[in-house]
């Protein structure tokens, strides 16, 4: 069953999709865009070949956004495909498969080198005559967007949804389970066999800056969105990201949503339309609205 239009608390939203369906969504077997789109490929700065879909907005000169999904997801996974569809009602959208996810090559680095994927998406949009470009990331995608912005990728706005403030943490049960998979070679191999996602081992990880520290380097208008019932990362992490960004630029907005699970568990149609409206407002005024 597809996620309902109204957002549900994280645990309840997950029960509406059984494990087999969730696996098929992760592998990209189930899911696609319901609106006009064209599939494209381009290459990140390190040579990684990436897959993406471009969804034209209402006009060619509408604002544009790069959309980056979370860990073990892909651009065609129903929740993310619907989010891109709703954003395309107001914006030109380039939704990408981060490295080792979906149809993209490479190895996942948990939001580190994925910054190059975001940068490549931004460059593709600018090369196709989109002068105003934002980047929106969900969970690990949010980490990727934050790292791209902190590294100097020119963005007109930054959106981080369900994004951790600190990396490699075990402050929740789900994160402890994921950490256990990451540090054990046989579990990483099992993850790749089941989901298709290959993850860099801890010994080869570059230990990038934490998103909360990256936020303090971002000059663009920033929107931080987090749910009170996120079971992976507490809302305090979003508060810290927002505080760091606001202290640096004075142009950061926090949406703390009372009924919103982690990442795709909160990506309802209503949320997608509210986010599209907010990005359009930022393009027009230079600031995000205080509330959805």
C-alpha atoms as a PDB file:
ATOM      1  CA  UNK A   1       0.000   0.000   0.000  1.00  0.00           C
ATOM      2  CA  UNK A   2       1.276   3.446  -0.870  1.00  0.00           C
ATOM      3  CA  UNK A   3       1.900   5.907   1.952  1.00  0.00           C
ATOM      4  CA  UNK A   4      -1.276   7.951   2.583  1.00  0.00           C
ATOM      5  CA  UNK A   5      -1.595  11.611   1.694  1.00  0.00           C
ATOM      6  CA  UNK A   6      -1.637  12.655   5.344  1.00  0.00           C
ATOM      7  CA  UNK A   7       1.615  12.161   7.290  1.00  0.00           C
ATOM      8  CA  UNK A   8       1.609   9.467   9.948  1.00  0.00           C
ATOM      9  CA  UNK A   9       3.942   8.893  12.890  1.00  0.00           C
ATOM     10  CA  UNK A  10       7.043   7.011  11.755  1.00  0.00           C
ATOM     11  CA  UNK A  11       6.253   3.603  13.236  1.00  0.00           C
ATOM     12  CA  UNK A  12       2.692   3.624  11.889  1.00  0.00           C
ATOM     13  CA  UNK A  13       3.774   4.746   8.429  1.00  0.00           C
ATOM     14  CA  UNK A  14       6.211   1.846   8.165  1.00  0.00           C
ATOM     15  CA  UNK A  15       3.564  -0.730   9.058  1.00  0.00           C
ATOM     16  CA  UNK A  16       1.623   0.283   5.948  1.00  0.00           C
ATOM     17  CA  UNK A  17       4.427  -1.220   3.788  1.00  0.00           C
ATOM     18  CA  UNK A  18       5.484  -4.804   4.366  1.00  0.00           C
ATOM     19  CA  UNK A  19       9.138  -5.904   4.283  1.00  0.00           C
ATOM     20  CA  UNK A  20       8.916  -7.436   0.799  1.00  0.00           C
ATOM     21  CA  UNK A  21       7.493  -4.261  -0.695  1.00  0.00           C
ATOM     22  CA  UNK A  22      10.056  -2.132   1.114  1.00  0.00           C
ATOM     23  CA  UNK A  23      12.867  -4.286  -0.309  1.00  0.00           C
ATOM     24  CA  UNK A  24      11.465  -4.041  -3.832  1.00  0.00           C
ATOM     25  CA  UNK A  25      11.234  -0.266  -3.440  1.00  0.00           C
ATOM     26  CA  UNK A  26      14.845  -0.126  -2.234  1.00  0.00           C
ATOM     27  CA  UNK A  27      16.011  -2.148  -5.236  1.00  0.00           C
ATOM     28  CA  UNK A  28      14.086   0.135  -7.576  1.00  0.00           C
ATOM     29  CA  UNK A  29      11.743  -2.609  -8.778  1.00  0.00           C
ATOM     30  CA  UNK A  30       8.679  -0.701  -7.548  1.00  0.00           C
ATOM     31  CA  UNK A  31       8.270   3.010  -8.116  1.00  0.00           C
ATOM     32  CA  UNK A  32       8.327   5.646 -10.842  1.00  0.00           C
ATOM     33  CA  UNK A  33       7.298   9.214 -11.512  1.00  0.00           C
ATOM     34  CA  UNK A  34       3.684   9.937 -12.388  1.00  0.00           C
ATOM     35  CA  UNK A  35       4.487  13.168 -14.243  1.00  0.00           C
ATOM     36  CA  UNK A  36       6.510  14.059 -17.322  1.00  0.00           C
ATOM     37  CA  UNK A  37      10.212  13.370 -16.878  1.00  0.00           C
ATOM     38  CA  UNK A  38      13.358  12.452 -18.764  1.00  0.00           C
ATOM     39  CA  UNK A  39      16.110  10.161 -17.471  1.00  0.00           C
ATOM     40  CA  UNK A  40      19.661  11.489 -17.756  1.00  0.00           C
ATOM     41  CA  UNK A  41      23.195  10.523 -16.774  1.00  0.00           C
ATOM     42  CA  UNK A  42      26.204  12.645 -15.871  1.00  0.00           C
ATOM     43  CA  UNK A  43      29.522  12.192 -14.111  1.00  0.00           C
ATOM     44  CA  UNK A  44      30.717  13.420 -10.726  1.00  0.00           C
ATOM     45  CA  UNK A  45      34.118  15.082 -10.375  1.00  0.00           C
ATOM     46  CA  UNK A  46      35.731  11.803  -9.261  1.00  0.00           C
ATOM     47  CA  UNK A  47      34.462   9.963 -12.346  1.00  0.00           C
ATOM     48  CA  UNK A  48      31.430   8.264 -10.773  1.00  0.00           C
ATOM     49  CA  UNK A  49      28.596   7.811 -13.279  1.00  0.00           C
ATOM     50  CA  UNK A  50      25.260   8.976 -11.870  1.00  0.00           C
ATOM     51  CA  UNK A  51      21.638   8.438 -12.877  1.00  0.00           C
ATOM     52  CA  UNK A  52      19.000  11.126 -12.488  1.00  0.00           C
ATOM     53  CA  UNK A  53      15.575  12.208 -13.713  1.00  0.00           C
ATOM     54  CA  UNK A  54      14.638  15.724 -14.767  1.00  0.00           C
ATOM     55  CA  UNK A  55      11.051  16.811 -14.131  1.00  0.00           C
ATOM     56  CA  UNK A  56      10.229  20.081 -15.914  1.00  0.00           C
ATOM     57  CA  UNK A  57       8.357  22.620 -13.834  1.00  0.00           C
ATOM     58  CA  UNK A  58       5.462  24.834 -14.869  1.00  0.00           C
ATOM     59  CA  UNK A  59       7.802  27.134 -16.819  1.00  0.00           C
ATOM     60  CA  UNK A  60      11.360  26.875 -18.050  1.00  0.00           C
ATOM     61  CA  UNK A  61      12.387  29.858 -15.893  1.00  0.00           C
ATOM     62  CA  UNK A  62      10.867  28.497 -12.661  1.00  0.00           C
ATOM     63  CA  UNK A  63      13.360  27.920  -9.817  1.00  0.00           C
ATOM     64  CA  UNK A  64      15.231  24.603  -9.934  1.00  0.00           C
ATOM     65  CA  UNK A  65      16.147  22.133  -7.210  1.00  0.00           C
ATOM     66  CA  UNK A  66      18.396  19.091  -6.918  1.00  0.00           C
ATOM     67  CA  UNK A  67      16.750  16.395  -4.784  1.00  0.00           C
ATOM     68  CA  UNK A  68      18.925  13.878  -2.901  1.00  0.00           C
ATOM     69  CA  UNK A  69      17.374  10.824  -1.216  1.00  0.00           C
ATOM     70  CA  UNK A  70      18.277   9.028   1.993  1.00  0.00           C
ATOM     71  CA  UNK A  71      20.329   5.887   2.631  1.00  0.00           C
ATOM     72  CA  UNK A  72      19.132   2.675   0.922  1.00  0.00           C
ATOM     73  CA  UNK A  73      16.662   4.600  -1.236  1.00  0.00           C
ATOM     74  CA  UNK A  74      16.652   5.849  -4.820  1.00  0.00           C
ATOM     75  CA  UNK A  75      15.021   8.510  -6.942  1.00  0.00           C
ATOM     76  CA  UNK A  76      12.227   6.164  -8.097  1.00  0.00           C
ATOM     77  CA  UNK A  77      11.303   4.878  -4.645  1.00  0.00           C
ATOM     78  CA  UNK A  78       7.612   5.835  -4.303  1.00  0.00           C
ATOM     79  CA  UNK A  79       7.982   8.330  -1.455  1.00  0.00           C
ATOM     80  CA  UNK A  80      10.802  10.177  -3.226  1.00  0.00           C
ATOM     81  CA  UNK A  81       9.192   9.914  -6.652  1.00  0.00           C
ATOM     82  CA  UNK A  82       6.008  11.469  -5.250  1.00  0.00           C
ATOM     83  CA  UNK A  83       8.009  14.208  -3.548  1.00  0.00           C
ATOM     84  CA  UNK A  84       9.691  15.073  -6.852  1.00  0.00           C
ATOM     85  CA  UNK A  85       6.299  14.993  -8.609  1.00  0.00           C
ATOM     86  CA  UNK A  86       4.829  17.454  -6.111  1.00  0.00           C
ATOM     87  CA  UNK A  87       7.872  19.751  -6.245  1.00  0.00           C
ATOM     88  CA  UNK A  88       7.576  19.823 -10.041  1.00  0.00           C
ATOM     89  CA  UNK A  89       4.220  21.587  -9.655  1.00  0.00           C
ATOM     90  CA  UNK A  90       6.218  24.716  -8.737  1.00  0.00           C
ATOM     91  CA  UNK A  91       9.828  23.963  -9.677  1.00  0.00           C
ATOM     92  CA  UNK A  92      12.155  22.370 -12.191  1.00  0.00           C
ATOM     93  CA  UNK A  93      13.406  19.241 -10.422  1.00  0.00           C
ATOM     94  CA  UNK A  94      16.507  17.108 -10.911  1.00  0.00           C
ATOM     95  CA  UNK A  95      16.233  14.054  -8.664  1.00  0.00           C
ATOM     96  CA  UNK A  96      19.402  11.971  -8.487  1.00  0.00           C
ATOM     97  CA  UNK A  97      20.463   8.480  -7.460  1.00  0.00           C
ATOM     98  CA  UNK A  98      23.343   8.997  -5.063  1.00  0.00           C
ATOM     99  CA  UNK A  99      26.374   6.803  -5.664  1.00  0.00           C
ATOM    100  CA  UNK A 100      25.798   3.051  -5.213  1.00  0.00           C
ATOM    101  CA  UNK A 101      22.038   3.636  -5.047  1.00  0.00           C
ATOM    102  CA  UNK A 102      19.476   2.989  -7.743  1.00  0.00           C
ATOM    103  CA  UNK A 103      21.108   3.129 -11.170  1.00  0.00           C
ATOM    104  CA  UNK A 104      24.235   5.050 -10.129  1.00  0.00           C
ATOM    105  CA  UNK A 105      27.724   3.544  -9.940  1.00  0.00           C
ATOM    106  CA  UNK A 106      30.239   3.862  -7.125  1.00  0.00           C
ATOM    107  CA  UNK A 107      30.364   3.104  -3.422  1.00  0.00           C
ATOM    108  CA  UNK A 108      28.308   4.838  -0.738  1.00  0.00           C
ATOM    109  CA  UNK A 109      30.329   7.028   1.645  1.00  0.00           C
ATOM    110  CA  UNK A 110      27.452   7.961   3.961  1.00  0.00           C
ATOM    111  CA  UNK A 111      27.090  11.538   2.736  1.00  0.00           C
ATOM    112  CA  UNK A 112      30.772  12.400   2.259  1.00  0.00           C
ATOM    113  CA  UNK A 113      31.698  11.989  -1.427  1.00  0.00           C
ATOM    114  CA  UNK A 114      27.991  12.198  -2.193  1.00  0.00           C
ATOM    115  CA  UNK A 115      28.640  15.940  -2.015  1.00  0.00           C
ATOM    116  CA  UNK A 116      30.250  15.475  -5.440  1.00  0.00           C
ATOM    117  CA  UNK A 117      26.996  13.926  -6.675  1.00  0.00           C
ATOM    118  CA  UNK A 118      25.057  16.969  -5.503  1.00  0.00           C
ATOM    119  CA  UNK A 119      27.628  19.259  -7.117  1.00  0.00           C
ATOM    120  CA  UNK A 120      27.302  17.372 -10.406  1.00  0.00           C
ATOM    121  CA  UNK A 121      23.518  17.741 -10.280  1.00  0.00           C
ATOM    122  CA  UNK A 122      23.801  21.467  -9.634  1.00  0.00           C
ATOM    123  CA  UNK A 123      26.254  21.812 -12.538  1.00  0.00           C
ATOM    124  CA  UNK A 124      23.863  19.899 -14.838  1.00  0.00           C
ATOM    125  CA  UNK A 125      21.026  22.287 -14.019  1.00  0.00           C
ATOM    126  CA  UNK A 126      23.180  25.375 -14.527  1.00  0.00           C
ATOM    127  CA  UNK A 127      24.498  23.957 -17.806  1.00  0.00           C
ATOM    128  CA  UNK A 128      20.858  23.624 -18.899  1.00  0.00           C
ATOM    129  CA  UNK A 129      20.107  27.310 -18.294  1.00  0.00           C
ATOM    130  CA  UNK A 130      18.660  27.242 -14.780  1.00  0.00           C
ATOM    131  CA  UNK A 131      20.149  30.286 -13.028  1.00  0.00           C
ATOM    132  CA  UNK A 132      18.481  29.794  -9.596  1.00  0.00           C
ATOM    133  CA  UNK A 133      19.294  26.389  -8.121  1.00  0.00           C
ATOM    134  CA  UNK A 134      18.608  25.003  -4.644  1.00  0.00           C
ATOM    135  CA  UNK A 135      19.563  21.614  -3.223  1.00  0.00           C
ATOM    136  CA  UNK A 136      17.270  19.600  -0.965  1.00  0.00           C
ATOM    137  CA  UNK A 137      18.431  16.461   0.819  1.00  0.00           C
ATOM    138  CA  UNK A 138      16.665  13.956   3.030  1.00  0.00           C
ATOM    139  CA  UNK A 139      18.562  12.170   5.837  1.00  0.00           C
ATOM    140  CA  UNK A 140      21.870  11.065   4.247  1.00  0.00           C
ATOM    141  CA  UNK A 141      20.920  13.220   1.277  1.00  0.00           C
ATOM    142  CA  UNK A 142      20.718  16.153   3.682  1.00  0.00           C
ATOM    143  CA  UNK A 143      24.242  15.378   4.878  1.00  0.00           C
ATOM    144  CA  UNK A 144      25.369  15.302   1.244  1.00  0.00           C
ATOM    145  CA  UNK A 145      23.780  18.680   0.520  1.00  0.00           C
ATOM    146  CA  UNK A 146      25.290  20.230   3.652  1.00  0.00           C
ATOM    147  CA  UNK A 147      28.758  18.981   2.699  1.00  0.00           C
ATOM    148  CA  UNK A 148      28.352  20.285  -0.845  1.00  0.00           C
ATOM    149  CA  UNK A 149      27.311  23.732   0.385  1.00  0.00           C
ATOM    150  CA  UNK A 150      30.117  23.866   2.958  1.00  0.00           C
ATOM    151  CA  UNK A 151      32.637  22.868   0.267  1.00  0.00           C
ATOM    152  CA  UNK A 152      31.709  25.901  -1.802  1.00  0.00           C
ATOM    153  CA  UNK A 153      29.185  24.553  -4.306  1.00  0.00           C
ATOM    154  CA  UNK A 154      27.210  27.635  -5.319  1.00  0.00           C
ATOM    155  CA  UNK A 155      23.636  27.135  -4.150  1.00  0.00           C
ATOM    156  CA  UNK A 156      20.860  29.685  -3.976  1.00  0.00           C
ATOM    157  CA  UNK A 157      19.192  27.813  -1.098  1.00  0.00           C
ATOM    158  CA  UNK A 158      19.788  24.716   1.025  1.00  0.00           C
ATOM    159  CA  UNK A 159      17.128  22.401   2.465  1.00  0.00           C
ATOM    160  CA  UNK A 160      17.939  19.651   4.990  1.00  0.00           C
ATOM    161  CA  UNK A 161      15.147  17.212   5.922  1.00  0.00           C
ATOM    162  CA  UNK A 162      15.565  14.649   8.742  1.00  0.00           C
ATOM    163  CA  UNK A 163      19.298  15.325   8.674  1.00  0.00           C
ATOM    164  CA  UNK A 164      21.635  14.254  11.504  1.00  0.00           C
ATOM    165  CA  UNK A 165      23.611  16.899  13.321  1.00  0.00           C
ATOM    166  CA  UNK A 166      26.493  14.538  14.033  1.00  0.00           C
ATOM    167  CA  UNK A 167      27.836  11.566  12.067  1.00  0.00           C
ATOM    168  CA  UNK A 168      28.574   7.963  13.091  1.00  0.00           C
ATOM    169  CA  UNK A 169      26.395   8.011  16.166  1.00  0.00           C
ATOM    170  CA  UNK A 170      24.533   5.305  18.053  1.00  0.00           C
ATOM    171  CA  UNK A 171      22.120   7.434  20.037  1.00  0.00           C
ATOM    172  CA  UNK A 172      19.053   5.507  18.855  1.00  0.00           C
ATOM    173  CA  UNK A 173      18.233   1.852  18.366  1.00  0.00           C
ATOM    174  CA  UNK A 174      17.994   2.095  14.560  1.00  0.00           C
ATOM    175  CA  UNK A 175      21.294   3.964  14.328  1.00  0.00           C
ATOM    176  CA  UNK A 176      23.005   1.418  16.586  1.00  0.00           C
ATOM    177  CA  UNK A 177      21.767  -1.352  14.279  1.00  0.00           C
ATOM    178  CA  UNK A 178      23.041   0.461  11.182  1.00  0.00           C
ATOM    179  CA  UNK A 179      26.399   1.101  12.838  1.00  0.00           C
ATOM    180  CA  UNK A 180      26.708  -2.604  13.600  1.00  0.00           C
ATOM    181  CA  UNK A 181      26.138  -3.386   9.907  1.00  0.00           C
ATOM    182  CA  UNK A 182      28.717  -0.813   8.875  1.00  0.00           C
ATOM    183  CA  UNK A 183      31.561  -2.066  11.071  1.00  0.00           C
ATOM    184  CA  UNK A 184      31.145  -5.774  10.255  1.00  0.00           C
ATOM    185  CA  UNK A 185      32.429  -6.836   6.785  1.00  0.00           C
ATOM    186  CA  UNK A 186      30.055  -9.786   6.429  1.00  0.00           C
ATOM    187  CA  UNK A 187      27.068  -7.599   7.286  1.00  0.00           C
ATOM    188  CA  UNK A 188      28.164  -4.955   4.765  1.00  0.00           C
ATOM    189  CA  UNK A 189      28.383  -7.677   2.145  1.00  0.00           C
ATOM    190  CA  UNK A 190      24.951  -8.931   3.117  1.00  0.00           C
ATOM    191  CA  UNK A 191      23.576  -5.406   2.821  1.00  0.00           C
ATOM    192  CA  UNK A 192      24.974  -5.144  -0.704  1.00  0.00           C
ATOM    193  CA  UNK A 193      23.549  -8.507  -1.733  1.00  0.00           C
ATOM    194  CA  UNK A 194      20.096  -7.667  -0.372  1.00  0.00           C
ATOM    195  CA  UNK A 195      19.766  -3.957  -1.219  1.00  0.00           C
ATOM    196  CA  UNK A 196      22.389  -3.436  -3.899  1.00  0.00           C
ATOM    197  CA  UNK A 197      24.053  -0.682  -1.841  1.00  0.00           C
ATOM    198  CA  UNK A 198      27.804  -1.011  -1.280  1.00  0.00           C
ATOM    199  CA  UNK A 199      29.179   0.990   1.657  1.00  0.00           C
ATOM    200  CA  UNK A 200      32.765   2.126   2.216  1.00  0.00           C
ATOM    201  CA  UNK A 201      34.352   0.339   5.219  1.00  0.00           C
ATOM    202  CA  UNK A 202      35.215   2.384   8.325  1.00  0.00           C
ATOM    203  CA  UNK A 203      38.942   2.073   7.530  1.00  0.00           C
ATOM    204  CA  UNK A 204      38.448   3.890   4.209  1.00  0.00           C
ATOM    205  CA  UNK A 205      36.038   6.557   5.486  1.00  0.00           C
ATOM    206  CA  UNK A 206      37.414  10.098   5.339  1.00  0.00           C
ATOM    207  CA  UNK A 207      35.629  11.332   8.504  1.00  0.00           C
ATOM    208  CA  UNK A 208      34.007  14.435   6.997  1.00  0.00           C
ATOM    209  CA  UNK A 209      32.819  17.366   9.085  1.00  0.00           C
ATOM    210  CA  UNK A 210      29.586  16.953  10.989  1.00  0.00           C
ATOM    211  CA  UNK A 211      26.525  18.571   9.387  1.00  0.00           C
ATOM    212  CA  UNK A 212      26.180  20.919  12.357  1.00  0.00           C
ATOM    213  CA  UNK A 213      29.707  22.197  11.643  1.00  0.00           C
ATOM    214  CA  UNK A 214      29.029  22.353   7.910  1.00  0.00           C
ATOM    215  CA  UNK A 215      25.961  24.511   8.624  1.00  0.00           C
ATOM    216  CA  UNK A 216      28.235  27.148  10.123  1.00  0.00           C
ATOM    217  CA  UNK A 217      29.933  27.513   6.713  1.00  0.00           C
ATOM    218  CA  UNK A 218      26.815  27.945   4.582  1.00  0.00           C
ATOM    219  CA  UNK A 219      25.986  31.432   3.318  1.00  0.00           C
ATOM    220  CA  UNK A 220      22.799  30.507   1.412  1.00  0.00           C
ATOM    221  CA  UNK A 221      19.296  30.685   2.902  1.00  0.00           C
ATOM    222  CA  UNK A 222      18.713  27.416   4.738  1.00  0.00           C
ATOM    223  CA  UNK A 223      15.570  25.502   5.676  1.00  0.00           C
ATOM    224  CA  UNK A 224      15.913  22.753   8.288  1.00  0.00           C
ATOM    225  CA  UNK A 225      12.963  20.358   8.634  1.00  0.00           C
ATOM    226  CA  UNK A 226      12.612  17.680  11.294  1.00  0.00           C
ATOM    227  CA  UNK A 227       9.860  15.613  12.869  1.00  0.00           C
ATOM    228  CA  UNK A 228       9.248  15.271  16.580  1.00  0.00           C
ATOM    229  CA  UNK A 229       8.707  11.518  16.126  1.00  0.00           C
ATOM    230  CA  UNK A 230      11.898  10.830  14.151  1.00  0.00           C
ATOM    231  CA  UNK A 231      13.162   7.502  15.526  1.00  0.00           C
ATOM    232  CA  UNK A 232      16.666   7.880  14.051  1.00  0.00           C
ATOM    233  CA  UNK A 233      17.736  11.382  15.074  1.00  0.00           C
ATOM    234  CA  UNK A 234      16.217  13.524  17.844  1.00  0.00           C
ATOM    235  CA  UNK A 235      14.870  16.948  16.926  1.00  0.00           C
ATOM    236  CA  UNK A 236      17.650  18.497  19.013  1.00  0.00           C
ATOM    237  CA  UNK A 237      20.015  17.752  16.128  1.00  0.00           C
ATOM    238  CA  UNK A 238      17.925  19.843  13.749  1.00  0.00           C
ATOM    239  CA  UNK A 239      17.807  22.601  16.352  1.00  0.00           C
ATOM    240  CA  UNK A 240      21.617  22.537  16.505  1.00  0.00           C
ATOM    241  CA  UNK A 241      21.970  22.669  12.700  1.00  0.00           C
ATOM    242  CA  UNK A 242      19.565  25.600  12.522  1.00  0.00           C
ATOM    243  CA  UNK A 243      21.337  27.449  15.336  1.00  0.00           C
ATOM    244  CA  UNK A 244      24.738  27.047  13.676  1.00  0.00           C
ATOM    245  CA  UNK A 245      23.426  28.244  10.315  1.00  0.00           C
ATOM    246  CA  UNK A 246      21.545  31.176  11.830  1.00  0.00           C
ATOM    247  CA  UNK A 247      24.548  32.283  13.871  1.00  0.00           C
ATOM    248  CA  UNK A 248      26.625  32.348  10.678  1.00  0.00           C
ATOM    249  CA  UNK A 249      24.268  33.852   8.112  1.00  0.00           C
ATOM    250  CA  UNK A 250      21.203  35.099  10.000  1.00  0.00           C
ATOM    251  CA  UNK A 251      19.134  33.471   7.253  1.00  0.00           C
ATOM    252  CA  UNK A 252      18.067  30.035   8.468  1.00  0.00           C
ATOM    253  CA  UNK A 253      14.571  28.703   9.199  1.00  0.00           C
ATOM    254  CA  UNK A 254      13.499  25.693  11.255  1.00  0.00           C
ATOM    255  CA  UNK A 255      10.310  23.741  10.616  1.00  0.00           C
ATOM    256  CA  UNK A 256       9.730  21.450  13.576  1.00  0.00           C
ATOM    257  CA  UNK A 257       6.813  19.219  12.586  1.00  0.00           C
ATOM    258  CA  UNK A 258       4.819  17.489  15.331  1.00  0.00           C
ATOM    259  CA  UNK A 259       3.587  14.576  13.181  1.00  0.00           C
ATOM    260  CA  UNK A 260       6.434  13.627  10.875  1.00  0.00           C
ATOM    261  CA  UNK A 261       8.463  10.413  10.886  1.00  0.00           C
ATOM    262  CA  UNK A 262      12.014   9.998   9.694  1.00  0.00           C
ATOM    263  CA  UNK A 263      12.683  10.903   6.061  1.00  0.00           C
ATOM    264  CA  UNK A 264      10.259   9.185   3.684  1.00  0.00           C
ATOM    265  CA  UNK A 265       7.834   8.400   6.517  1.00  0.00           C
ATOM    266  CA  UNK A 266       6.889  12.081   6.460  1.00  0.00           C
ATOM    267  CA  UNK A 267       6.925  12.729   2.714  1.00  0.00           C
ATOM    268  CA  UNK A 268       3.212  13.182   2.089  1.00  0.00           C
ATOM    269  CA  UNK A 269       1.748  14.987  -0.900  1.00  0.00           C
ATOM    270  CA  UNK A 270       0.815  17.885   1.398  1.00  0.00           C
ATOM    271  CA  UNK A 271       4.412  18.121   2.613  1.00  0.00           C
ATOM    272  CA  UNK A 272       5.755  18.077  -0.945  1.00  0.00           C
ATOM    273  CA  UNK A 273       3.489  20.927  -1.990  1.00  0.00           C
ATOM    274  CA  UNK A 274       4.378  22.940   1.134  1.00  0.00           C
ATOM    275  CA  UNK A 275       8.089  22.452   0.433  1.00  0.00           C
ATOM    276  CA  UNK A 276       7.645  23.481  -3.207  1.00  0.00           C
ATOM    277  CA  UNK A 277       5.853  26.633  -2.097  1.00  0.00           C
ATOM    278  CA  UNK A 278       8.612  27.388   0.412  1.00  0.00           C
ATOM    279  CA  UNK A 279      11.382  27.006  -2.178  1.00  0.00           C
ATOM    280  CA  UNK A 280       9.477  29.232  -4.602  1.00  0.00           C
ATOM    281  CA  UNK A 281       9.142  31.819  -1.821  1.00  0.00           C
ATOM    282  CA  UNK A 282      12.878  31.653  -1.109  1.00  0.00           C
ATOM    283  CA  UNK A 283      13.596  32.199  -4.794  1.00  0.00           C
ATOM    284  CA  UNK A 284      11.364  35.280  -4.795  1.00  0.00           C
ATOM    285  CA  UNK A 285      12.258  36.852  -1.443  1.00  0.00           C
ATOM    286  CA  UNK A 286      15.621  35.371  -0.438  1.00  0.00           C
ATOM    287  CA  UNK A 287      14.160  33.802   2.711  1.00  0.00           C
ATOM    288  CA  UNK A 288      12.120  30.747   3.618  1.00  0.00           C
ATOM    289  CA  UNK A 289       8.715  31.191   5.305  1.00  0.00           C
ATOM    290  CA  UNK A 290       8.657  30.617   9.055  1.00  0.00           C
ATOM    291  CA  UNK A 291       6.180  27.759   8.846  1.00  0.00           C
ATOM    292  CA  UNK A 292       4.722  25.432   6.196  1.00  0.00           C
END
